[in-house]
Amino acid sequence: MNNDKTWRKSTYSGAGNNCVELAVGRSTTSVRDSKRPGPRLTFGERPFRAFLTALRQT
């Protein structure tokens, strides 16, 4: 679990709470839905970059 990480969301997200939050650690980045903070995706550095690239292409 990522209890020791600080979860952050974009300042562009406003107060609607329909956001994706990130927690960045030394070797991993975790992503979760702000409405359902339990489930999360955790990536190493290279897979996270590939994830971002895929998002930008959609």
C-alpha atoms as a PDB file:
ATOM      1  CA  MET A   1       0.000   0.000   0.000  1.00  0.00           C
ATOM      2  CA  ASN A   2       1.049   3.624  -0.441  1.00  0.00           C
ATOM      3  CA  ASN A   3       0.092   5.008   2.951  1.00  0.00           C
ATOM      4  CA  ASP A   4       3.405   6.840   3.246  1.00  0.00           C
ATOM      5  CA  LYS A   5       2.899   8.817   0.028  1.00  0.00           C
ATOM      6  CA  THR A   6       1.267  12.197  -0.363  1.00  0.00           C
ATOM      7  CA  TRP A   7      -1.617  12.114  -2.824  1.00  0.00           C
ATOM      8  CA  ARG A   8      -1.967  15.155  -5.098  1.00  0.00           C
ATOM      9  CA  LYS A   9      -4.408  16.280  -7.728  1.00  0.00           C
ATOM     10  CA  SER A  10      -4.168  18.949 -10.377  1.00  0.00           C
ATOM     11  CA  THR A  11      -5.121  22.503  -9.503  1.00  0.00           C
ATOM     12  CA  TYR A  12      -7.175  22.422 -12.727  1.00  0.00           C
ATOM     13  CA  SER A  13      -9.545  19.873 -11.214  1.00  0.00           C
ATOM     14  CA  GLY A  14     -11.505  22.367  -9.118  1.00  0.00           C
ATOM     15  CA  ALA A  15     -13.851  21.371  -6.311  1.00  0.00           C
ATOM     16  CA  GLY A  16     -15.845  18.739  -8.242  1.00  0.00           C
ATOM     17  CA  ASN A  17     -13.750  15.891  -6.821  1.00  0.00           C
ATOM     18  CA  ASN A  18     -13.898  14.034 -10.166  1.00  0.00           C
ATOM     19  CA  CYS A  19     -10.155  13.785 -10.388  1.00  0.00           C
ATOM     20  CA  VAL A  20      -7.201  11.532 -10.811  1.00  0.00           C
ATOM     21  CA  GLU A  21      -4.700  11.769  -7.977  1.00  0.00           C
ATOM     22  CA  LEU A  22      -0.991  10.917  -8.083  1.00  0.00           C
ATOM     23  CA  ALA A  23       1.405   9.806  -5.384  1.00  0.00           C
ATOM     24  CA  VAL A  24       5.055   9.875  -6.424  1.00  0.00           C
ATOM     25  CA  GLY A  25       7.609   7.766  -4.589  1.00  0.00           C
ATOM     26  CA  ARG A  26      11.285   7.009  -5.151  1.00  0.00           C
ATOM     27  CA  SER A  27      10.753   4.282  -7.704  1.00  0.00           C
ATOM     28  CA  THR A  28       6.989   4.204  -8.316  1.00  0.00           C
ATOM     29  CA  THR A  29       4.080   6.469  -9.166  1.00  0.00           C
ATOM     30  CA  SER A  30       0.572   5.529  -8.074  1.00  0.00           C
ATOM     31  CA  VAL A  31      -2.671   6.733  -9.651  1.00  0.00           C
ATOM     32  CA  ARG A  32      -6.153   6.604  -8.130  1.00  0.00           C
ATOM     33  CA  ASP A  33      -9.647   8.054  -8.530  1.00  0.00           C
ATOM     34  CA  SER A  34     -10.370  10.798  -5.995  1.00  0.00           C
ATOM     35  CA  LYS A  35     -13.933   9.506  -5.534  1.00  0.00           C
ATOM     36  CA  ARG A  36     -12.781   5.934  -4.817  1.00  0.00           C
ATOM     37  CA  PRO A  37      -9.345   6.206  -3.195  1.00  0.00           C
ATOM     38  CA  GLY A  38      -9.009   2.498  -2.382  1.00  0.00           C
ATOM     39  CA  PRO A  39      -8.097   0.940  -5.758  1.00  0.00           C
ATOM     40  CA  ARG A  40      -4.941   2.279  -7.379  1.00  0.00           C
ATOM     41  CA  LEU A  41      -2.551   1.601 -10.206  1.00  0.00           C
ATOM     42  CA  THR A  42       1.156   1.604  -9.370  1.00  0.00           C
ATOM     43  CA  PHE A  43       3.828   1.965 -12.042  1.00  0.00           C
ATOM     44  CA  GLY A  44       7.599   1.914 -12.197  1.00  0.00           C
ATOM     45  CA  GLU A  45       9.260   4.833 -14.008  1.00  0.00           C
ATOM     46  CA  ARG A  46       9.287   3.397 -17.540  1.00  0.00           C
ATOM     47  CA  PRO A  47       5.778   1.913 -17.422  1.00  0.00           C
ATOM     48  CA  PHE A  48       4.444   5.228 -16.062  1.00  0.00           C
ATOM     49  CA  ARG A  49       5.998   7.123 -18.968  1.00  0.00           C
ATOM     50  CA  ALA A  50       4.422   4.627 -21.373  1.00  0.00           C
ATOM     51  CA  PHE A  51       1.068   5.093 -19.581  1.00  0.00           C
ATOM     52  CA  LEU A  52       1.273   8.884 -20.022  1.00  0.00           C
ATOM     53  CA  THR A  53       2.238   8.505 -23.676  1.00  0.00           C
ATOM     54  CA  ALA A  54      -0.761   6.249 -24.276  1.00  0.00           C
ATOM     55  CA  LEU A  55      -3.081   8.757 -22.582  1.00  0.00           C
ATOM     56  CA  ARG A  56      -1.786  11.589 -24.737  1.00  0.00           C
ATOM     57  CA  GLN A  57      -2.443   9.567 -27.892  1.00  0.00           C
ATOM     58  CA  THR A  58      -6.129   9.020 -27.092  1.00  0.00           C
END
